[in-house]
Full PDB file with SEQRES, HELIX, SHEET, SSBOND, CRYST1, ORIGX, SCALE, CONECT and MASTER records, all heavy atoms in Angstrom:
SEQRES   1 A   34  SER HIS PRO LEU LEU GLY LYS LYS ILE LEU ASN GLY LYS          
SEQRES   2 A   34  GLY PHE ASP SER ASN ILE LEU ALA ALA THR LEU GLN HIS          
SEQRES   3 A   34  HIS GLU ARG SER ASP GLY SER GLY                              
HELIX    1 AA1 HIS A    2  LEU A   10  1                                   9    
HELIX    2 AA2 SER A   17  GLN A   25  1                                   9    
CRYST1    1.000    1.000    1.000  90.00  90.00  90.00 P 1           1          
ORIGX1      1.000000  0.000000  0.000000        0.00000                         
ORIGX2      0.000000  1.000000  0.000000        0.00000                         
ORIGX3      0.000000  0.000000  1.000000        0.00000                         
SCALE1      1.000000  0.000000  0.000000        0.00000                         
SCALE2      0.000000  1.000000  0.000000        0.00000                         
SCALE3      0.000000  0.000000  1.000000        0.00000                         
ATOM      1  N   SER A   1       0.810  -1.221   0.000  1.00  0.00           N  
ATOM      2  CA  SER A   1       0.000   0.000   0.000  1.00  0.00           C  
ATOM      3  C   SER A   1       0.840   1.266   0.000  1.00  0.00           C  
ATOM      4  O   SER A   1       0.312   2.365  -0.176  1.00  0.00           O  
ATOM      5  CB  SER A   1      -0.937   0.007   1.219  1.00  0.00           C  
ATOM      6  OG  SER A   1      -0.193   0.185   2.427  1.00  0.00           O  
ATOM      7  N   HIS A   2       2.185   1.139   0.184  1.00  0.00           N  
ATOM      8  CA  HIS A   2       2.984   2.354   0.366  1.00  0.00           C  
ATOM      9  C   HIS A   2       3.023   3.283  -0.853  1.00  0.00           C  
ATOM     10  O   HIS A   2       3.101   4.499  -0.672  1.00  0.00           O  
ATOM     11  CB  HIS A   2       4.404   2.012   0.860  1.00  0.00           C  
ATOM     12  CG  HIS A   2       5.328   1.487  -0.176  1.00  0.00           C  
ATOM     13  ND1 HIS A   2       5.477   0.143  -0.426  1.00  0.00           N  
ATOM     14  CD2 HIS A   2       6.183   2.111  -1.036  1.00  0.00           C  
ATOM     15  CE1 HIS A   2       6.376  -0.036  -1.379  1.00  0.00           C  
ATOM     16  NE2 HIS A   2       6.814   1.140  -1.770  1.00  0.00           N  
ATOM     17  N   PRO A   3       2.948   2.795  -2.102  1.00  0.00           N  
ATOM     18  CA  PRO A   3       2.893   3.753  -3.213  1.00  0.00           C  
ATOM     19  C   PRO A   3       1.636   4.628  -3.166  1.00  0.00           C  
ATOM     20  O   PRO A   3       1.710   5.844  -3.424  1.00  0.00           O  
ATOM     21  CB  PRO A   3       2.900   2.856  -4.454  1.00  0.00           C  
ATOM     22  CG  PRO A   3       3.546   1.588  -4.013  1.00  0.00           C  
ATOM     23  CD  PRO A   3       3.078   1.399  -2.608  1.00  0.00           C  
ATOM     24  N   LEU A   4       0.494   4.042  -2.849  1.00  0.00           N  
ATOM     25  CA  LEU A   4      -0.745   4.823  -2.757  1.00  0.00           C  
ATOM     26  C   LEU A   4      -0.691   5.797  -1.584  1.00  0.00           C  
ATOM     27  O   LEU A   4      -1.125   6.955  -1.696  1.00  0.00           O  
ATOM     28  CB  LEU A   4      -1.938   3.869  -2.594  1.00  0.00           C  
ATOM     29  CG  LEU A   4      -2.298   3.045  -3.840  1.00  0.00           C  
ATOM     30  CD1 LEU A   4      -3.253   1.915  -3.467  1.00  0.00           C  
ATOM     31  CD2 LEU A   4      -2.920   3.936  -4.907  1.00  0.00           C  
ATOM     32  N   LEU A   5      -0.114   5.337  -0.460  1.00  0.00           N  
ATOM     33  CA  LEU A   5       0.022   6.226   0.707  1.00  0.00           C  
ATOM     34  C   LEU A   5       0.947   7.397   0.381  1.00  0.00           C  
ATOM     35  O   LEU A   5       0.683   8.538   0.770  1.00  0.00           O  
ATOM     36  CB  LEU A   5       0.574   5.437   1.897  1.00  0.00           C  
ATOM     37  CG  LEU A   5      -0.340   4.358   2.495  1.00  0.00           C  
ATOM     38  CD1 LEU A   5       0.419   3.524   3.512  1.00  0.00           C  
ATOM     39  CD2 LEU A   5      -1.562   5.008   3.135  1.00  0.00           C  
ATOM     40  N   GLY A   6       2.035   7.113  -0.351  1.00  0.00           N  
ATOM     41  CA  GLY A   6       2.973   8.166  -0.716  1.00  0.00           C  
ATOM     42  C   GLY A   6       2.351   9.197  -1.631  1.00  0.00           C  
ATOM     43  O   GLY A   6       2.520  10.422  -1.446  1.00  0.00           O  
ATOM     44  N   LYS A   7       1.616   8.738  -2.630  1.00  0.00           N  
ATOM     45  CA  LYS A   7       0.935   9.672  -3.547  1.00  0.00           C  
ATOM     46  C   LYS A   7      -0.043  10.548  -2.781  1.00  0.00           C  
ATOM     47  O   LYS A   7      -0.167  11.752  -3.028  1.00  0.00           O  
ATOM     48  CB  LYS A   7       0.212   8.856  -4.626  1.00  0.00           C  
ATOM     49  CG  LYS A   7      -0.666   9.682  -5.568  1.00  0.00           C  
ATOM     50  CD  LYS A   7       0.153  10.405  -6.611  1.00  0.00           C  
ATOM     51  CE  LYS A   7      -0.711  11.215  -7.578  1.00  0.00           C  
ATOM     52  NZ  LYS A   7      -1.831  10.494  -8.159  1.00  0.00           N  
ATOM     53  N   LYS A   8      -0.734   9.954  -1.818  1.00  0.00           N  
ATOM     54  CA  LYS A   8      -1.699  10.710  -1.013  1.00  0.00           C  
ATOM     55  C   LYS A   8      -1.009  11.799  -0.205  1.00  0.00           C  
ATOM     56  O   LYS A   8      -1.522  12.920  -0.084  1.00  0.00           O  
ATOM     57  CB  LYS A   8      -2.447   9.750  -0.095  1.00  0.00           C  
ATOM     58  CG  LYS A   8      -3.550  10.397   0.727  1.00  0.00           C  
ATOM     59  CD  LYS A   8      -4.280   9.359   1.576  1.00  0.00           C  
ATOM     60  CE  LYS A   8      -5.374  10.019   2.404  1.00  0.00           C  
ATOM     61  NZ  LYS A   8      -6.095   9.012   3.257  1.00  0.00           N  
ATOM     62  N   ILE A   9       0.173  11.497   0.350  1.00  0.00           N  
ATOM     63  CA  ILE A   9       0.908  12.486   1.149  1.00  0.00           C  
ATOM     64  C   ILE A   9       1.350  13.672   0.287  1.00  0.00           C  
ATOM     65  O   ILE A   9       1.278  14.835   0.702  1.00  0.00           O  
ATOM     66  CB  ILE A   9       2.133  11.836   1.813  1.00  0.00           C  
ATOM     67  CG1 ILE A   9       1.708  10.823   2.863  1.00  0.00           C  
ATOM     68  CG2 ILE A   9       3.048  12.899   2.445  1.00  0.00           C  
ATOM     69  CD1 ILE A   9       2.846   9.967   3.404  1.00  0.00           C  
ATOM     70  N   LEU A  10       1.785  13.386  -0.943  1.00  0.00           N  
ATOM     71  CA  LEU A  10       2.351  14.434  -1.804  1.00  0.00           C  
ATOM     72  C   LEU A  10       1.301  15.202  -2.594  1.00  0.00           C  
ATOM     73  O   LEU A  10       1.567  16.316  -3.067  1.00  0.00           O  
ATOM     74  CB  LEU A  10       3.359  13.816  -2.784  1.00  0.00           C  
ATOM     75  CG  LEU A  10       4.599  13.149  -2.175  1.00  0.00           C  
ATOM     76  CD1 LEU A  10       5.479  12.574  -3.277  1.00  0.00           C  
ATOM     77  CD2 LEU A  10       5.393  14.131  -1.326  1.00  0.00           C  
ATOM     78  N   ASN A  11       0.133  14.626  -2.770  1.00  0.00           N  
ATOM     79  CA  ASN A  11      -0.910  15.255  -3.592  1.00  0.00           C  
ATOM     80  C   ASN A  11      -1.261  16.663  -3.114  1.00  0.00           C  
ATOM     81  O   ASN A  11      -1.366  16.915  -1.918  1.00  0.00           O  
ATOM     82  CB  ASN A  11      -2.193  14.400  -3.564  1.00  0.00           C  
ATOM     83  CG  ASN A  11      -2.398  13.655  -4.859  1.00  0.00           C  
ATOM     84  OD1 ASN A  11      -1.768  13.964  -5.868  1.00  0.00           O  
ATOM     85  ND2 ASN A  11      -3.286  12.670  -4.854  1.00  0.00           N  
ATOM     86  N   GLY A  12      -1.431  17.565  -4.086  1.00  0.00           N  
ATOM     87  CA  GLY A  12      -1.898  18.914  -3.784  1.00  0.00           C  
ATOM     88  C   GLY A  12      -0.894  19.801  -3.099  1.00  0.00           C  
ATOM     89  O   GLY A  12      -1.263  20.858  -2.557  1.00  0.00           O  
ATOM     90  N   LYS A  13       0.400  19.422  -3.114  1.00  0.00           N  
ATOM     91  CA  LYS A  13       1.411  20.223  -2.420  1.00  0.00           C  
ATOM     92  C   LYS A  13       2.428  20.839  -3.376  1.00  0.00           C  
ATOM     93  O   LYS A  13       3.490  21.283  -2.950  1.00  0.00           O  
ATOM     94  CB  LYS A  13       2.123  19.364  -1.368  1.00  0.00           C  
ATOM     95  CG  LYS A  13       1.174  18.917  -0.247  1.00  0.00           C  
ATOM     96  CD  LYS A  13       1.882  18.150   0.850  1.00  0.00           C  
ATOM     97  CE  LYS A  13       0.903  17.814   1.967  1.00  0.00           C  
ATOM     98  NZ  LYS A  13       1.537  17.042   3.061  1.00  0.00           N  
ATOM     99  N   GLY A  14       2.106  20.833  -4.666  1.00  0.00           N  
ATOM    100  CA  GLY A  14       2.953  21.537  -5.626  1.00  0.00           C  
ATOM    101  C   GLY A  14       4.092  20.728  -6.206  1.00  0.00           C  
ATOM    102  O   GLY A  14       4.965  21.296  -6.881  1.00  0.00           O  
ATOM    103  N   PHE A  15       4.116  19.425  -6.002  1.00  0.00           N  
ATOM    104  CA  PHE A  15       5.192  18.606  -6.557  1.00  0.00           C  
ATOM    105  C   PHE A  15       4.930  18.304  -8.026  1.00  0.00           C  
ATOM    106  O   PHE A  15       3.781  18.149  -8.452  1.00  0.00           O  
ATOM    107  CB  PHE A  15       5.334  17.294  -5.768  1.00  0.00           C  
ATOM    108  CG  PHE A  15       5.897  17.479  -4.394  1.00  0.00           C  
ATOM    109  CD1 PHE A  15       5.057  17.544  -3.287  1.00  0.00           C  
ATOM    110  CD2 PHE A  15       7.264  17.613  -4.203  1.00  0.00           C  
ATOM    111  CE1 PHE A  15       5.574  17.725  -2.012  1.00  0.00           C  
ATOM    112  CE2 PHE A  15       7.791  17.798  -2.928  1.00  0.00           C  
ATOM    113  CZ  PHE A  15       6.947  17.853  -1.835  1.00  0.00           C  
ATOM    114  N   ASP A  16       6.006  18.218  -8.805  1.00  0.00           N  
ATOM    115  CA  ASP A  16       5.906  17.942 -10.228  1.00  0.00           C  
ATOM    116  C   ASP A  16       5.183  16.617 -10.465  1.00  0.00           C  
ATOM    117  O   ASP A  16       5.307  15.666  -9.682  1.00  0.00           O  
ATOM    118  CB  ASP A  16       7.311  17.893 -10.831  1.00  0.00           C  
ATOM    119  CG  ASP A  16       7.299  17.770 -12.332  1.00  0.00           C  
ATOM    120  OD1 ASP A  16       7.262  16.625 -12.831  1.00  0.00           O  
ATOM    121  OD2 ASP A  16       7.327  18.811 -13.004  1.00  0.00           O  
ATOM    122  N   SER A  17       4.448  16.550 -11.582  1.00  0.00           N  
ATOM    123  CA  SER A  17       3.665  15.349 -11.890  1.00  0.00           C  
ATOM    124  C   SER A  17       4.544  14.115 -12.044  1.00  0.00           C  
ATOM    125  O   SER A  17       4.130  12.996 -11.727  1.00  0.00           O  
ATOM    126  CB  SER A  17       2.847  15.562 -13.160  1.00  0.00           C  
ATOM    127  OG  SER A  17       3.700  15.833 -14.267  1.00  0.00           O  
ATOM    128  N   ASN A  18       5.790  14.289 -12.523  1.00  0.00           N  
ATOM    129  CA  ASN A  18       6.704  13.147 -12.669  1.00  0.00           C  
ATOM    130  C   ASN A  18       7.087  12.563 -11.313  1.00  0.00           C  
ATOM    131  O   ASN A  18       7.266  11.347 -11.174  1.00  0.00           O  
ATOM    132  CB  ASN A  18       7.973  13.572 -13.420  1.00  0.00           C  
ATOM    133  CG  ASN A  18       7.704  13.878 -14.872  1.00  0.00           C  
ATOM    134  OD1 ASN A  18       6.980  13.158 -15.544  1.00  0.00           O  
ATOM    135  ND2 ASN A  18       8.276  14.960 -15.368  1.00  0.00           N  
ATOM    136  N   ILE A  19       7.225  13.437 -10.318  1.00  0.00           N  
ATOM    137  CA  ILE A  19       7.559  12.979  -8.968  1.00  0.00           C  
ATOM    138  C   ILE A  19       6.385  12.212  -8.371  1.00  0.00           C  
ATOM    139  O   ILE A  19       6.562  11.150  -7.752  1.00  0.00           O  
ATOM    140  CB  ILE A  19       7.946  14.180  -8.081  1.00  0.00           C  
ATOM    141  CG1 ILE A  19       9.217  14.842  -8.627  1.00  0.00           C  
ATOM    142  CG2 ILE A  19       8.141  13.753  -6.627  1.00  0.00           C  
ATOM    143  CD1 ILE A  19       9.571  16.157  -7.965  1.00  0.00           C  
ATOM    144  N   LEU A  20       5.170  12.715  -8.605  1.00  0.00           N  
ATOM    145  CA  LEU A  20       3.980  12.016  -8.119  1.00  0.00           C  
ATOM    146  C   LEU A  20       3.846  10.659  -8.806  1.00  0.00           C  
ATOM    147  O   LEU A  20       3.531   9.651  -8.146  1.00  0.00           O  
ATOM    148  CB  LEU A  20       2.734  12.865  -8.391  1.00  0.00           C  
ATOM    149  CG  LEU A  20       2.657  14.225  -7.682  1.00  0.00           C  
ATOM    150  CD1 LEU A  20       1.393  14.956  -8.093  1.00  0.00           C  
ATOM    151  CD2 LEU A  20       2.689  14.049  -6.170  1.00  0.00           C  
ATOM    152  N   ALA A  21       4.100  10.625 -10.115  1.00  0.00           N  
ATOM    153  CA  ALA A  21       3.988   9.368 -10.855  1.00  0.00           C  
ATOM    154  C   ALA A  21       5.020   8.349 -10.383  1.00  0.00           C  
ATOM    155  O   ALA A  21       4.719   7.156 -10.238  1.00  0.00           O  
ATOM    156  CB  ALA A  21       4.143   9.628 -12.356  1.00  0.00           C  
ATOM    157  N   ALA A  22       6.255   8.804 -10.131  1.00  0.00           N  
ATOM    158  CA  ALA A  22       7.311   7.891  -9.670  1.00  0.00           C  
ATOM    159  C   ALA A  22       6.973   7.323  -8.299  1.00  0.00           C  
ATOM    160  O   ALA A  22       7.225   6.140  -8.015  1.00  0.00           O  
ATOM    161  CB  ALA A  22       8.651   8.618  -9.628  1.00  0.00           C  
ATOM    162  N   THR A  23       6.392   8.149  -7.438  1.00  0.00           N  
ATOM    163  CA  THR A  23       5.989   7.690  -6.104  1.00  0.00           C  
ATOM    164  C   THR A  23       4.914   6.608  -6.205  1.00  0.00           C  
ATOM    165  O   THR A  23       4.974   5.591  -5.502  1.00  0.00           O  
ATOM    166  CB  THR A  23       5.467   8.878  -5.272  1.00  0.00           C  
ATOM    167  OG1 THR A  23       6.492   9.881  -5.179  1.00  0.00           O  
ATOM    168  CG2 THR A  23       5.071   8.434  -3.870  1.00  0.00           C  
ATOM    169  N   LEU A  24       3.969   6.803  -7.117  1.00  0.00           N  
ATOM    170  CA  LEU A  24       2.860   5.866  -7.261  1.00  0.00           C  
ATOM    171  C   LEU A  24       3.238   4.614  -8.052  1.00  0.00           C  
ATOM    172  O   LEU A  24       2.758   3.515  -7.766  1.00  0.00           O  
ATOM    173  CB  LEU A  24       1.679   6.562  -7.953  1.00  0.00           C  
ATOM    174  CG  LEU A  24       0.426   5.718  -8.206  1.00  0.00           C  
ATOM    175  CD1 LEU A  24      -0.195   5.247  -6.891  1.00  0.00           C  
ATOM    176  CD2 LEU A  24      -0.597   6.507  -9.025  1.00  0.00           C  
ATOM    177  N   GLN A  25       4.143   4.755  -9.038  1.00  0.00           N  
ATOM    178  CA  GLN A  25       4.338   3.688 -10.022  1.00  0.00           C  
ATOM    179  C   GLN A  25       5.689   2.966  -9.950  1.00  0.00           C  
ATOM    180  O   GLN A  25       5.966   2.121 -10.799  1.00  0.00           O  
ATOM    181  CB  GLN A  25       4.180   4.265 -11.434  1.00  0.00           C  
ATOM    182  CG  GLN A  25       2.830   4.872 -11.722  1.00  0.00           C  
ATOM    183  CD  GLN A  25       2.776   5.528 -13.091  1.00  0.00           C  
ATOM    184  OE1 GLN A  25       3.681   5.388 -13.916  1.00  0.00           O  
ATOM    185  NE2 GLN A  25       1.703   6.266 -13.343  1.00  0.00           N  
ATOM    186  N   HIS A  26       6.523   3.227  -8.947  1.00  0.00           N  
ATOM    187  CA  HIS A  26       7.876   2.654  -8.981  1.00  0.00           C  
ATOM    188  C   HIS A  26       7.900   1.134  -8.780  1.00  0.00           C  
ATOM    189  O   HIS A  26       8.951   0.516  -8.965  1.00  0.00           O  
ATOM    190  CB  HIS A  26       8.804   3.352  -7.974  1.00  0.00           C  
ATOM    191  CG  HIS A  26       8.418   3.171  -6.534  1.00  0.00           C  
ATOM    192  ND1 HIS A  26       7.474   3.951  -5.917  1.00  0.00           N  
ATOM    193  CD2 HIS A  26       8.860   2.297  -5.586  1.00  0.00           C  
ATOM    194  CE1 HIS A  26       7.343   3.579  -4.646  1.00  0.00           C  
ATOM    195  NE2 HIS A  26       8.178   2.577  -4.418  1.00  0.00           N  
ATOM    196  N   HIS A  27       6.753   0.529  -8.441  1.00  0.00           N  
ATOM    197  CA  HIS A  27       6.678  -0.935  -8.371  1.00  0.00           C  
ATOM    198  C   HIS A  27       5.890  -1.535  -9.542  1.00  0.00           C  
ATOM    199  O   HIS A  27       5.637  -2.742  -9.556  1.00  0.00           O  
ATOM    200  CB  HIS A  27       6.069  -1.389  -7.046  1.00  0.00           C  
ATOM    201  CG  HIS A  27       7.027  -1.320  -5.893  1.00  0.00           C  
ATOM    202  ND1 HIS A  27       8.104  -2.181  -5.754  1.00  0.00           N  
ATOM    203  CD2 HIS A  27       7.090  -0.468  -4.837  1.00  0.00           C  
ATOM    204  CE1 HIS A  27       8.780  -1.874  -4.657  1.00  0.00           C  
ATOM    205  NE2 HIS A  27       8.193  -0.843  -4.078  1.00  0.00           N  
ATOM    206  N   GLU A  28       5.524  -0.713 -10.507  1.00  0.00           N  
ATOM    207  CA  GLU A  28       4.897  -1.224 -11.719  1.00  0.00           C  
ATOM    208  C   GLU A  28       5.980  -1.835 -12.604  1.00  0.00           C  
ATOM    209  O   GLU A  28       7.147  -1.433 -12.540  1.00  0.00           O  
ATOM    210  CB  GLU A  28       4.166  -0.103 -12.476  1.00  0.00           C  
ATOM    211  CG  GLU A  28       3.074   0.597 -11.684  1.00  0.00           C  
ATOM    212  CD  GLU A  28       1.813  -0.253 -11.514  1.00  0.00           C  
ATOM    213  OE1 GLU A  28       1.784  -1.402 -12.005  1.00  0.00           O  
ATOM    214  OE2 GLU A  28       0.860   0.237 -10.882  1.00  0.00           O  
ATOM    215  N   ARG A  29       5.613  -2.798 -13.438  1.00  0.00           N  
ATOM    216  CA  ARG A  29       6.555  -3.456 -14.332  1.00  0.00           C  
ATOM    217  C   ARG A  29       5.975  -3.513 -15.743  1.00  0.00           C  
ATOM    218  O   ARG A  29       4.765  -3.664 -15.922  1.00  0.00           O  
ATOM    219  CB  ARG A  29       6.862  -4.881 -13.846  1.00  0.00           C  
ATOM    220  CG  ARG A  29       7.563  -4.925 -12.481  1.00  0.00           C  
ATOM    221  CD  ARG A  29       8.950  -4.323 -12.527  1.00  0.00           C  
ATOM    222  NE  ARG A  29       9.628  -4.366 -11.237  1.00  0.00           N  
ATOM    223  CZ  ARG A  29       9.702  -3.343 -10.388  1.00  0.00           C  
ATOM    224  NH1 ARG A  29       9.133  -2.174 -10.703  1.00  0.00           N  
ATOM    225  NH2 ARG A  29      10.341  -3.465  -9.251  1.00  0.00           N  
ATOM    226  N   SER A  30       6.842  -3.418 -16.735  1.00  0.00           N  
ATOM    227  CA  SER A  30       6.401  -3.313 -18.132  1.00  0.00           C  
ATOM    228  C   SER A  30       5.577  -4.507 -18.593  1.00  0.00           C  
ATOM    229  O   SER A  30       4.802  -4.404 -19.542  1.00  0.00           O  
ATOM    230  CB  SER A  30       7.613  -3.137 -19.057  1.00  0.00           C  
ATOM    231  OG  SER A  30       8.226  -1.881 -18.840  1.00  0.00           O  
ATOM    232  N   ASP A  31       5.743  -5.666 -17.947  1.00  0.00           N  
ATOM    233  CA  ASP A  31       4.983  -6.853 -18.347  1.00  0.00           C  
ATOM    234  C   ASP A  31       3.656  -6.966 -17.596  1.00  0.00           C  
ATOM    235  O   ASP A  31       2.946  -7.960 -17.725  1.00  0.00           O  
ATOM    236  CB  ASP A  31       5.813  -8.122 -18.137  1.00  0.00           C  
ATOM    237  CG  ASP A  31       6.161  -8.360 -16.670  1.00  0.00           C  
ATOM    238  OD1 ASP A  31       5.880  -7.483 -15.824  1.00  0.00           O  
ATOM    239  OD2 ASP A  31       6.742  -9.421 -16.359  1.00  0.00           O  
ATOM    240  N   GLY A  32       3.319  -5.949 -16.799  1.00  0.00           N  
ATOM    241  CA  GLY A  32       2.052  -5.937 -16.078  1.00  0.00           C  
ATOM    242  C   GLY A  32       2.070  -6.670 -14.750  1.00  0.00           C  
ATOM    243  O   GLY A  32       1.028  -6.799 -14.099  1.00  0.00           O  
ATOM    244  N   SER A  33       3.251  -7.137 -14.319  1.00  0.00           N  
ATOM    245  CA  SER A  33       3.334  -7.937 -13.091  1.00  0.00           C  
ATOM    246  C   SER A  33       3.494  -7.097 -11.825  1.00  0.00           C  
ATOM    247  O   SER A  33       3.564  -7.650 -10.726  1.00  0.00           O  
ATOM    248  CB  SER A  33       4.513  -8.916 -13.189  1.00  0.00           C  
ATOM    249  OG  SER A  33       5.748  -8.206 -13.287  1.00  0.00           O  
ATOM    250  N   GLY A  34       3.554  -5.789 -11.969  1.00  0.00           N  
ATOM    251  CA  GLY A  34       3.798  -4.934 -10.800  1.00  0.00           C  
ATOM    252  C   GLY A  34       2.525  -4.503 -10.095  1.00  0.00           C  
ATOM    253  O   GLY A  34       1.428  -4.992 -10.360  1.00  0.00           O  
TER     254      GLY A  34                                                      
MASTER        0    0    0    2    0    0    0    6  253    1    0    3          
END                                                                             
């Protein structure tokens, strides 16, 4: 659950969209297994 919790903490605080995406998606994998 930590990627979702991290995105929630950073949301609405002025962080770049790439930083928000990396926080949410760093456990995603190109083959869909993440």
